[in-house]
Structures are given as C-alpha cells and as structure tokens.
PDB file of N, CA and C in Angstrom:
ATOM      1  N   MET A   1     163.535  81.844 138.622  1.00  0.00           N
ATOM      2  CA  MET A   1     163.657  82.677 137.448  1.00  0.00           C
ATOM      3  C   MET A   1     164.312  81.863 136.346  1.00  0.00           C
ATOM      4  N   LYS A   2     163.875  82.096 135.128  1.00  0.00           N
ATOM      5  CA  LYS A   2     164.456  81.421 133.970  1.00  0.00           C
ATOM      6  C   LYS A   2     164.899  82.470 132.964  1.00  0.00           C
ATOM      7  N   LYS A   3     166.004  82.191 132.272  1.00  0.00           N
ATOM      8  CA  LYS A   3     166.512  83.079 131.220  1.00  0.00           C
ATOM      9  C   LYS A   3     166.909  82.225 130.031  1.00  0.00           C
ATOM     10  N   ILE A   4     166.611  82.717 128.852  1.00  0.00           N
ATOM     11  CA  ILE A   4     167.017  82.032 127.631  1.00  0.00           C
ATOM     12  C   ILE A   4     167.232  83.072 126.544  1.00  0.00           C
ATOM     13  N   ASN A   5     168.093  82.768 125.604  1.00  0.00           N
ATOM     14  CA  ASN A   5     168.313  83.631 124.451  1.00  0.00           C
ATOM     15  C   ASN A   5     167.676  82.968 123.241  1.00  0.00           C
ATOM     16  N   GLU A   6     167.004  83.738 122.441  1.00  0.00           N
ATOM     17  CA  GLU A   6     166.317  83.233 121.252  1.00  0.00           C
ATOM     18  C   GLU A   6     167.248  82.398 120.364  1.00  0.00           C
ATOM     19  N   ASN A   7     168.510  82.778 120.283  1.00  0.00           N
ATOM     20  CA  ASN A   7     169.456  82.068 119.424  1.00  0.00           C
ATOM     21  C   ASN A   7     169.843  80.695 119.962  1.00  0.00           C
ATOM     22  N   GLU A   8     169.454  80.384 121.193  1.00  0.00           N
ATOM     23  CA  GLU A   8     169.735  79.075 121.776  1.00  0.00           C
ATOM     24  C   GLU A   8     168.692  78.027 121.377  1.00  0.00           C
ATOM     25  N   VAL A   9     167.605  78.460 120.756  1.00  0.00           N
ATOM     26  CA  VAL A   9     166.495  77.564 120.420  1.00  0.00           C
ATOM     27  C   VAL A   9     166.418  77.428 118.898  1.00  0.00           C
ATOM     28  N   PRO A  10     166.448  76.207 118.380  1.00  0.00           N
ATOM     29  CA  PRO A  10     166.361  76.052 116.920  1.00  0.00           C
ATOM     30  C   PRO A  10     164.970  76.413 116.401  1.00  0.00           C
ATOM     31  N   ALA A  11     164.934  76.979 115.207  1.00  0.00           N
ATOM     32  CA  ALA A  11     163.658  77.272 114.556  1.00  0.00           C
ATOM     33  C   ALA A  11     163.027  75.969 114.075  1.00  0.00           C
ATOM     34  N   LYS A  12     161.718  75.936 114.036  1.00  0.00           N
ATOM     35  CA  LYS A  12     160.971  74.723 113.692  1.00  0.00           C
ATOM     36  C   LYS A  12     161.387  74.132 112.341  1.00  0.00           C
ATOM     37  N   PHE A  13     161.672  74.989 111.370  1.00  0.00           N
ATOM     38  CA  PHE A  13     162.012  74.518 110.028  1.00  0.00           C
ATOM     39  C   PHE A  13     163.448  74.870 109.642  1.00  0.00           C
ATOM     40  N   GLY A  14     164.339  74.825 110.584  1.00  0.00           N
ATOM     41  CA  GLY A  14     165.750  75.104 110.298  1.00  0.00           C
ATOM     42  C   GLY A  14     166.075  76.578 110.364  1.00  0.00           C
ATOM     43  N   THR A  15     165.870  77.295 109.259  1.00  0.00           N
ATOM     44  CA  THR A  15     166.198  78.724 109.229  1.00  0.00           C
ATOM     45  C   THR A  15     164.991  79.618 109.472  1.00  0.00           C
ATOM     46  N   TRP A  16     163.802  79.037 109.578  1.00  0.00           N
ATOM     47  CA  TRP A  16     162.603  79.846 109.823  1.00  0.00           C
ATOM     48  C   TRP A  16     161.594  79.011 110.611  1.00  0.00           C
ATOM     49  N   GLY A  17     160.555  79.683 111.084  1.00  0.00           N
ATOM     50  CA  GLY A  17     159.518  79.021 111.872  1.00  0.00           C
ATOM     51  C   GLY A  17     159.518  79.506 113.304  1.00  0.00           C
ATOM     52  N   SER A  18     158.744  78.834 114.129  1.00  0.00           N
ATOM     53  CA  SER A  18     158.595  79.264 115.524  1.00  0.00           C
ATOM     54  C   SER A  18     159.728  78.734 116.393  1.00  0.00           C
ATOM     55  N   ARG A  19     159.988  79.493 117.451  1.00  0.00           N
ATOM     56  CA  ARG A  19     160.954  79.119 118.488  1.00  0.00           C
ATOM     57  C   ARG A  19     160.249  79.322 119.821  1.00  0.00           C
ATOM     58  N   TYR A  20     160.006  78.247 120.538  1.00  0.00           N
ATOM     59  CA  TYR A  20     159.384  78.369 121.855  1.00  0.00           C
ATOM     60  C   TYR A  20     160.474  78.635 122.883  1.00  0.00           C
ATOM     61  N   LEU A  21     160.439  79.826 123.467  1.00  0.00           N
ATOM     62  CA  LEU A  21     161.427  80.201 124.473  1.00  0.00           C
ATOM     63  C   LEU A  21     161.050  79.651 125.833  1.00  0.00           C
ATOM     64  N   PHE A  22     159.766  79.664 126.130  1.00  0.00           N
ATOM     65  CA  PHE A  22     159.246  79.094 127.373  1.00  0.00           C
ATOM     66  C   PHE A  22     158.007  78.289 127.023  1.00  0.00           C
ATOM     67  N   ASN A  23     157.898  77.106 127.590  1.00  0.00           N
ATOM     68  CA  ASN A  23     156.751  76.249 127.322  1.00  0.00           C
ATOM     69  C   ASN A  23     156.329  75.596 128.633  1.00  0.00           C
ATOM     70  N   GLU A  24     155.497  76.307 129.376  1.00  0.00           N
ATOM     71  CA  GLU A  24     155.015  75.867 130.682  1.00  0.00           C
ATOM     72  C   GLU A  24     153.610  75.275 130.524  1.00  0.00           C
ATOM     73  N   PRO A  25     153.093  74.565 131.517  1.00  0.00           N
ATOM     74  CA  PRO A  25     151.766  73.951 131.386  1.00  0.00           C
ATOM     75  C   PRO A  25     150.635  74.935 131.053  1.00  0.00           C
ATOM     76  N   ASP A  26     150.687  76.156 131.576  1.00  0.00           N
ATOM     77  CA  ASP A  26     149.598  77.101 131.335  1.00  0.00           C
ATOM     78  C   ASP A  26     150.030  78.351 130.570  1.00  0.00           C
ATOM     79  N   PHE A  27     151.238  78.322 130.013  1.00  0.00           N
ATOM     80  CA  PHE A  27     151.792  79.521 129.399  1.00  0.00           C
ATOM     81  C   PHE A  27     152.927  79.116 128.468  1.00  0.00           C
ATOM     82  N   SER A  28     152.978  79.712 127.287  1.00  0.00           N
ATOM     83  CA  SER A  28     154.143  79.543 126.422  1.00  0.00           C
ATOM     84  C   SER A  28     154.402  80.855 125.704  1.00  0.00           C
ATOM     85  N   ALA A  29     155.656  81.075 125.362  1.00  0.00           N
ATOM     86  CA  ALA A  29     156.045  82.318 124.705  1.00  0.00           C
ATOM     87  C   ALA A  29     157.197  82.037 123.764  1.00  0.00           C
ATOM     88  N   GLY A  30     157.246  82.809 122.694  1.00  0.00           N
ATOM     89  CA  GLY A  30     158.330  82.619 121.751  1.00  0.00           C
ATOM     90  C   GLY A  30     158.301  83.647 120.648  1.00  0.00           C
ATOM     91  N   SER A  31     159.039  83.331 119.600  1.00  0.00           N
ATOM     92  CA  SER A  31     159.098  84.187 118.431  1.00  0.00           C
ATOM     93  C   SER A  31     158.950  83.313 117.194  1.00  0.00           C
ATOM     94  N   ALA A  32     158.650  83.944 116.089  1.00  0.00           N
ATOM     95  CA  ALA A  32     158.545  83.216 114.826  1.00  0.00           C
ATOM     96  C   ALA A  32     158.997  84.113 113.692  1.00  0.00           C
ATOM     97  N   GLU A  33     159.672  83.516 112.738  1.00  0.00           N
ATOM     98  CA  GLU A  33     160.035  84.182 111.497  1.00  0.00           C
ATOM     99  C   GLU A  33     159.423  83.391 110.353  1.00  0.00           C
ATOM    100  N   LEU A  34     158.806  84.109 109.427  1.00  0.00           N
ATOM    101  CA  LEU A  34     158.255  83.479 108.228  1.00  0.00           C
ATOM    102  C   LEU A  34     158.939  84.079 107.017  1.00  0.00           C
ATOM    103  N   ILE A  35     159.481  83.206 106.174  1.00  0.00           N
ATOM    104  CA  ILE A  35     160.109  83.665 104.950  1.00  0.00           C
ATOM    105  C   ILE A  35     159.022  83.931 103.911  1.00  0.00           C
ATOM    106  N   PRO A  36     159.341  84.690 102.857  1.00  0.00           N
ATOM    107  CA  PRO A  36     158.329  85.007 101.848  1.00  0.00           C
ATOM    108  C   PRO A  36     157.648  83.752 101.301  1.00  0.00           C
ATOM    109  N   GLY A  37     156.329  83.850 101.156  1.00  0.00           N
ATOM    110  CA  GLY A  37     155.536  82.765 100.596  1.00  0.00           C
ATOM    111  C   GLY A  37     155.059  81.731 101.602  1.00  0.00           C
ATOM    112  N   LYS A  38     155.493  81.824 102.853  1.00  0.00           N
ATOM    113  CA  LYS A  38     155.093  80.844 103.870  1.00  0.00           C
ATOM    114  C   LYS A  38     153.941  81.388 104.704  1.00  0.00           C
ATOM    115  N   GLU A  39     153.244  80.479 105.376  1.00  0.00           N
ATOM    116  CA  GLU A  39     152.114  80.894 106.200  1.00  0.00           C
ATOM    117  C   GLU A  39     151.917  79.941 107.365  1.00  0.00           C
ATOM    118  N   ILE A  40     151.207  80.422 108.352  1.00  0.00           N
ATOM    119  CA  ILE A  40     150.670  79.590 109.424  1.00  0.00           C
ATOM    120  C   ILE A  40     149.190  79.461 109.099  1.00  0.00           C
ATOM    121  N   ALA A  41     148.777  78.262 108.748  1.00  0.00           N
ATOM    122  CA  ALA A  41     147.414  78.026 108.269  1.00  0.00           C
ATOM    123  C   ALA A  41     146.375  78.402 109.327  1.00  0.00           C
ATOM    124  N   GLU A  42     145.186  78.704 108.845  1.00  0.00           N
ATOM    125  CA  GLU A  42     144.093  79.075 109.747  1.00  0.00           C
ATOM    126  C   GLU A  42     143.822  77.946 110.741  1.00  0.00           C
ATOM    127  N   HIS A  43     143.712  78.331 111.996  1.00  0.00           N
ATOM    128  CA  HIS A  43     143.470  77.368 113.073  1.00  0.00           C
ATOM    129  C   HIS A  43     142.879  78.111 114.263  1.00  0.00           C
ATOM    130  N   MET A  44     142.502  77.372 115.294  1.00  0.00           N
ATOM    131  CA  MET A  44     142.011  77.985 116.529  1.00  0.00           C
ATOM    132  C   MET A  44     142.433  77.126 117.707  1.00  0.00           C
ATOM    133  N   HIS A  45     142.366  77.716 118.878  1.00  0.00           N
ATOM    134  CA  HIS A  45     142.686  77.020 120.119  1.00  0.00           C
ATOM    135  C   HIS A  45     141.453  77.086 121.016  1.00  0.00           C
ATOM    136  N   ASP A  46     140.939  75.946 121.422  1.00  0.00           N
ATOM    137  CA  ASP A  46     139.748  75.918 122.276  1.00  0.00           C
ATOM    138  C   ASP A  46     140.042  76.312 123.712  1.00  0.00           C
ATOM    139  N   ASP A  47     141.298  76.172 124.122  1.00  0.00           N
ATOM    140  CA  ASP A  47     141.635  76.387 125.532  1.00  0.00           C
ATOM    141  C   ASP A  47     142.764  77.393 125.748  1.00  0.00           C
ATOM    142  N   GLU A  48     143.034  78.242 124.734  1.00  0.00           N
ATOM    143  CA  GLU A  48     144.124  79.214 124.856  1.00  0.00           C
ATOM    144  C   GLU A  48     143.742  80.558 124.256  1.00  0.00           C
ATOM    145  N   LYS A  49     144.244  81.616 124.890  1.00  0.00           N
ATOM    146  CA  LYS A  49     144.288  82.935 124.272  1.00  0.00           C
ATOM    147  C   LYS A  49     145.685  83.065 123.678  1.00  0.00           C
ATOM    148  N   GLU A  50     145.813  83.842 122.585  1.00  0.00           N
ATOM    149  CA  GLU A  50     147.133  84.020 121.994  1.00  0.00           C
ATOM    150  C   GLU A  50     147.355  85.494 121.675  1.00  0.00           C
ATOM    151  N   PHE A  51     148.485  86.003 122.143  1.00  0.00           N
ATOM    152  CA  PHE A  51     148.885  87.390 121.925  1.00  0.00           C
ATOM    153  C   PHE A  51     149.973  87.408 120.861  1.00  0.00           C
ATOM    154  N   PHE A  52     149.845  88.310 119.893  1.00  0.00           N
ATOM    155  CA  PHE A  52     150.840  88.475 118.834  1.00  0.00           C
ATOM    156  C   PHE A  52     151.358  89.909 118.845  1.00  0.00           C
ATOM    157  N   TYR A  53     152.669  90.061 118.725  1.00  0.00           N
ATOM    158  CA  TYR A  53     153.281  91.380 118.577  1.00  0.00           C
ATOM    159  C   TYR A  53     154.171  91.333 117.339  1.00  0.00           C
ATOM    160  N   PHE A  54     153.891  92.197 116.383  1.00  0.00           N
ATOM    161  CA  PHE A  54     154.585  92.188 115.094  1.00  0.00           C
ATOM    162  C   PHE A  54     155.801  93.109 115.137  1.00  0.00           C
ATOM    163  N   ILE A  55     156.965  92.503 114.955  1.00  0.00           N
ATOM    164  CA  ILE A  55     158.240  93.204 115.081  1.00  0.00           C
ATOM    165  C   ILE A  55     158.765  93.690 113.736  1.00  0.00           C
ATOM    166  N   LYS A  56     158.680  92.821 112.725  1.00  0.00           N
ATOM    167  CA  LYS A  56     159.295  93.128 111.430  1.00  0.00           C
ATOM    168  C   LYS A  56     158.384  92.662 110.306  1.00  0.00           C
ATOM    169  N   GLY A  57     158.187  93.524 109.322  1.00  0.00           N
ATOM    170  CA  GLY A  57     157.425  93.158 108.138  1.00  0.00           C
ATOM    171  C   GLY A  57     155.975  93.601 108.185  1.00  0.00           C
ATOM    172  N   THR A  58     155.290  93.364 107.065  1.00  0.00           N
ATOM    173  CA  THR A  58     153.893  93.789 106.912  1.00  0.00           C
ATOM    174  C   THR A  58     153.048  92.643 106.343  1.00  0.00           C
ATOM    175  N   PRO A  59     152.946  91.530 107.066  1.00  0.00           N
ATOM    176  CA  PRO A  59     152.203  90.377 106.560  1.00  0.00           C
ATOM    177  C   PRO A  59     150.694  90.587 106.618  1.00  0.00           C
ATOM    178  N   LEU A  60     149.985  89.592 106.119  1.00  0.00           N
ATOM    179  CA  LEU A  60     148.532  89.557 106.210  1.00  0.00           C
ATOM    180  C   LEU A  60     148.165  88.687 107.404  1.00  0.00           C
ATOM    181  N   PHE A  61     147.365  89.240 108.316  1.00  0.00           N
ATOM    182  CA  PHE A  61     146.905  88.501 109.491  1.00  0.00           C
ATOM    183  C   PHE A  61     145.400  88.364 109.374  1.00  0.00           C
ATOM    184  N   LYS A  62     144.918  87.134 109.495  1.00  0.00           N
ATOM    185  CA  LYS A  62     143.479  86.875 109.440  1.00  0.00           C
ATOM    186  C   LYS A  62     143.018  86.448 110.823  1.00  0.00           C
ATOM    187  N   ALA A  63     141.916  87.027 111.270  1.00  0.00           N
ATOM    188  CA  ALA A  63     141.351  86.660 112.570  1.00  0.00           C
ATOM    189  C   ALA A  63     139.855  86.928 112.548  1.00  0.00           C
ATOM    190  N   CYS A  64     139.104  85.954 113.011  1.00  0.00           N
ATOM    191  CA  CYS A  64     137.652  86.103 113.174  1.00  0.00           C
ATOM    192  C   CYS A  64     136.962  86.531 111.882  1.00  0.00           C
ATOM    193  N   GLY A  65     137.413  86.019 110.748  1.00  0.00           N
ATOM    194  CA  GLY A  65     136.785  86.328 109.475  1.00  0.00           C
ATOM    195  C   GLY A  65     137.186  87.655 108.863  1.00  0.00           C
ATOM    196  N   LYS A  66     138.131  88.371 109.474  1.00  0.00           N
ATOM    197  CA  LYS A  66     138.602  89.649 108.935  1.00  0.00           C
ATOM    198  C   LYS A  66     140.072  89.528 108.553  1.00  0.00           C
ATOM    199  N   GLU A  67     140.509  90.389 107.623  1.00  0.00           N
ATOM    200  CA  GLU A  67     141.906  90.434 107.203  1.00  0.00           C
ATOM    201  C   GLU A  67     142.509  91.774 107.585  1.00  0.00           C
ATOM    202  N   TYR A  68     143.744  91.730 108.057  1.00  0.00           N
ATOM    203  CA  TYR A  68     144.455  92.932 108.482  1.00  0.00           C
ATOM    204  C   TYR A  68     145.826  92.959 107.818  1.00  0.00           C
ATOM    205  N   ARG A  69     146.167  94.078 107.204  1.00  0.00           N
ATOM    206  CA  ARG A  69     147.535  94.283 106.731  1.00  0.00           C
ATOM    207  C   ARG A  69     148.292  94.848 107.924  1.00  0.00           C
ATOM    208  N   VAL A  70     149.191  94.077 108.457  1.00  0.00           N
ATOM    209  CA  VAL A  70     149.869  94.405 109.705  1.00  0.00           C
ATOM    210  C   VAL A  70     150.979  95.422 109.469  1.00  0.00           C
ATOM    211  N   SER A  71     151.184  96.284 110.440  1.00  0.00           N
ATOM    212  CA  SER A  71     152.328  97.200 110.475  1.00  0.00           C
ATOM    213  C   SER A  71     153.230  96.799 111.626  1.00  0.00           C
ATOM    214  N   GLU A  72     154.502  97.108 111.508  1.00  0.00           N
ATOM    215  CA  GLU A  72     155.424  96.855 112.615  1.00  0.00           C
ATOM    216  C   GLU A  72     154.933  97.596 113.848  1.00  0.00           C
ATOM    217  N   GLY A  73     154.898  96.907 114.970  1.00  0.00           N
ATOM    218  CA  GLY A  73     154.403  97.490 116.208  1.00  0.00           C
ATOM    219  C   GLY A  73     152.958  97.146 116.522  1.00  0.00           C
ATOM    220  N   ASP A  74     152.238  96.550 115.559  1.00  0.00           N
ATOM    221  CA  ASP A  74     150.856  96.132 115.822  1.00  0.00           C
ATOM    222  C   ASP A  74     150.829  94.951 116.788  1.00  0.00           C
ATOM    223  N   ALA A  75     149.757  94.865 117.557  1.00  0.00           N
ATOM    224  CA  ALA A  75     149.558  93.753 118.491  1.00  0.00           C
ATOM    225  C   ALA A  75     148.106  93.294 118.401  1.00  0.00           C
ATOM    226  N   PHE A  76     147.899  91.998 118.574  1.00  0.00           N
ATOM    227  CA  PHE A  76     146.566  91.398 118.546  1.00  0.00           C
ATOM    228  C   PHE A  76     146.440  90.429 119.710  1.00  0.00           C
ATOM    229  N   LEU A  77     145.254  90.363 120.285  1.00  0.00           N
ATOM    230  CA  LEU A  77     144.925  89.341 121.270  1.00  0.00           C
ATOM    231  C   LEU A  77     143.781  88.521 120.689  1.00  0.00           C
ATOM    232  N   VAL A  78     144.038  87.247 120.430  1.00  0.00           N
ATOM    233  CA  VAL A  78     143.042  86.338 119.874  1.00  0.00           C
ATOM    234  C   VAL A  78     142.502  85.494 121.023  1.00  0.00           C
ATOM    235  N   GLU A  79     141.199  85.553 121.224  1.00  0.00           N
ATOM    236  CA  GLU A  79     140.562  84.821 122.320  1.00  0.00           C
ATOM    237  C   GLU A  79     140.428  83.339 121.970  1.00  0.00           C
ATOM    238  N   GLU A  80     140.202  82.516 122.977  1.00  0.00           N
ATOM    239  CA  GLU A  80     140.006  81.091 122.733  1.00  0.00           C
ATOM    240  C   GLU A  80     138.814  80.890 121.793  1.00  0.00           C
ATOM    241  N   GLY A  81     138.951  79.929 120.868  1.00  0.00           N
ATOM    242  CA  GLY A  81     137.883  79.632 119.924  1.00  0.00           C
ATOM    243  C   GLY A  81     137.824  80.538 118.708  1.00  0.00           C
ATOM    244  N   GLU A  82     138.691  81.540 118.619  1.00  0.00           N
ATOM    245  CA  GLU A  82     138.701  82.440 117.466  1.00  0.00           C
ATOM    246  C   GLU A  82     139.742  81.963 116.451  1.00  0.00           C
ATOM    247  N   SER A  83     139.323  81.848 115.199  1.00  0.00           N
ATOM    248  CA  SER A  83     140.241  81.384 114.163  1.00  0.00           C
ATOM    249  C   SER A  83     141.218  82.497 113.788  1.00  0.00           C
ATOM    250  N   HIS A  84     142.432  82.083 113.396  1.00  0.00           N
ATOM    251  CA  HIS A  84     143.453  83.042 112.992  1.00  0.00           C
ATOM    252  C   HIS A  84     144.478  82.367 112.085  1.00  0.00           C
ATOM    253  N   ALA A  85     145.132  83.187 111.246  1.00  0.00           N
ATOM    254  CA  ALA A  85     146.149  82.712 110.308  1.00  0.00           C
ATOM    255  C   ALA A  85     147.115  83.852 110.032  1.00  0.00           C
ATOM    256  N   LEU A  86     148.319  83.501 109.617  1.00  0.00           N
ATOM    257  CA  LEU A  86     149.353  84.487 109.298  1.00  0.00           C
ATOM    258  C   LEU A  86     149.957  84.117 107.955  1.00  0.00           C
ATOM    259  N   ILE A  87     149.976  85.061 107.032  1.00  0.00           N
ATOM    260  CA  ILE A  87     150.449  84.808 105.673  1.00  0.00           C
ATOM    261  C   ILE A  87     151.516  85.829 105.316  1.00  0.00           C
ATOM    262  N   ASN A  88     152.680  85.335 104.946  1.00  0.00           N
ATOM    263  CA  ASN A  88     153.729  86.242 104.484  1.00  0.00           C
ATOM    264  C   ASN A  88     153.657  86.315 102.963  1.00  0.00           C
ATOM    265  N   ASP A  89     152.867  87.247 102.488  1.00  0.00           N
ATOM    266  CA  ASP A  89     152.726  87.477 101.055  1.00  0.00           C
ATOM    267  C   ASP A  89     153.603  88.641 100.603  1.00  0.00           C
ATOM    268  N   THR A  90     154.650  88.928 101.383  1.00  0.00           N
ATOM    269  CA  THR A  90     155.577  90.011 101.066  1.00  0.00           C
ATOM    270  C   THR A  90     156.882  89.424 100.525  1.00  0.00           C
ATOM    271  N   ASN A  91     157.809  90.304 100.175  1.00  0.00           N
ATOM    272  CA  ASN A  91     159.113  89.872  99.666  1.00  0.00           C
ATOM    273  C   ASN A  91     160.172  89.775 100.750  1.00  0.00           C
ATOM    274  N   GLY A  92     159.807  90.067 101.995  1.00  0.00           N
ATOM    275  CA  GLY A  92     160.781  90.050 103.081  1.00  0.00           C
ATOM    276  C   GLY A  92     160.394  89.091 104.192  1.00  0.00           C
ATOM    277  N   VAL A  93     161.346  88.826 105.057  1.00  0.00           N
ATOM    278  CA  VAL A  93     161.101  87.988 106.232  1.00  0.00           C
ATOM    279  C   VAL A  93     160.261  88.780 107.224  1.00  0.00           C
ATOM    280  N   ILE A  94     159.300  88.121 107.864  1.00  0.00           N
ATOM    281  CA  ILE A  94     158.537  88.766 108.932  1.00  0.00           C
ATOM    282  C   ILE A  94     158.918  88.128 110.261  1.00  0.00           C
ATOM    283  N   LYS A  95     158.768  88.907 111.327  1.00  0.00           N
ATOM    284  CA  LYS A  95     159.084  88.388 112.658  1.00  0.00           C
ATOM    285  C   LYS A  95     158.008  88.835 113.633  1.00  0.00           C
ATOM    286  N   ILE A  96     157.584  87.883 114.477  1.00  0.00           N
ATOM    287  CA  ILE A  96     156.598  88.172 115.514  1.00  0.00           C
ATOM    288  C   ILE A  96     157.057  87.576 116.833  1.00  0.00           C
ATOM    289  N   ASN A  97     156.538  88.124 117.897  1.00  0.00           N
ATOM    290  CA  ASN A  97     156.608  87.491 119.214  1.00  0.00           C
ATOM    291  C   ASN A  97     155.194  87.046 119.557  1.00  0.00           C
ATOM    292  N   PHE A  98     155.090  85.942 120.290  1.00  0.00           N
ATOM    293  CA  PHE A  98     153.770  85.441 120.663  1.00  0.00           C
ATOM    294  C   PHE A  98     153.785  84.914 122.090  1.00  0.00           C
ATOM    295  N   VAL A  99     152.606  84.962 122.705  1.00  0.00           N
ATOM    296  CA  VAL A  99     152.396  84.400 124.037  1.00  0.00           C
ATOM    297  C   VAL A  99     151.070  83.651 123.991  1.00  0.00           C
ATOM    298  N   LYS A 100     151.076  82.410 124.467  1.00  0.00           N
ATOM    299  CA  LYS A 100     149.854  81.610 124.569  1.00  0.00           C
ATOM    300  C   LYS A 100     149.548  81.393 126.039  1.00  0.00           C
ATOM    301  N   MET A 101     148.279  81.635 126.416  1.00  0.00           N
ATOM    302  CA  MET A 101     147.856  81.487 127.804  1.00  0.00           C
ATOM    303  C   MET A 101     146.701  80.508 127.876  1.00  0.00           C
ATOM    304  N   LYS A 102     146.856  79.455 128.656  1.00  0.00           N
ATOM    305  CA  LYS A 102     145.790  78.463 128.828  1.00  0.00           C
ATOM    306  C   LYS A 102     144.636  79.081 129.605  1.00  0.00           C
ATOM    307  N   ILE A 103     143.423  78.749 129.190  1.00  0.00           N
ATOM    308  CA  ILE A 103     142.215  79.184 129.874  1.00  0.00           C
ATOM    309  C   ILE A 103     141.669  77.974 130.615  1.00  0.00           C
ATOM    310  N   LYS A 104     141.431  78.147 131.892  1.00  0.00           N
ATOM    311  CA  LYS A 104     140.976  77.010 132.708  1.00  0.00           C
ATOM    312  C   LYS A 104     139.479  76.965 132.805  1.00  0.00           C
TER     313      LYS A 104
END
C-alpha cells in the first residue's frame, strides 16, 4: 500500500500545474491546478486512457472536436487516440483530478 499527500508533491510550475501523486508503469494519478489564462494544449495519448474529474471552476474542456463548458463535479473519460485540451478562460483557479491508464 502507498500513501501520499498532495501537498508533499511540488506543482510542475511552482504554484500551479500538475502534481503526480502516483506514477506506476501502467497507471498514474494526480491533480492539477490551472491559474487564469493558462491551458494544457491539445494533445492525445496513443497508449493511454485518461479520466478527468473537475473539482473547482468552470473551464473549457475540448475533446474529440467538441467543446464543453465544465461544471464542478463533471467527469470525462478520454479514450486512447482521442485529442483533448483544457483551457482556463475564467477569472479563477481551476482544479482537477486525473488518472491515466496504459492500454496494452
């Protein structure tokens, strides 16, 4: 069994960005905070599914050529090979949890 606290892991960009809580060969999980005006550019994973759970804020989420105005509590499962992006076009910080699962 492994245990970690989110505050023990530095954010990718100092005060914001992703924090990988677990990073195993076939599985990773973490959280991310995006400050206003920042984004995770459109990309895809050929060998991973990615689950997103939106905790705080109402960002714009793009997936598979569609745009979604996210609400707190929304969840998405992006399959391997599907493009996705996250844009914080709001005035507040957004927070998500994510899980990536390798597809064999």
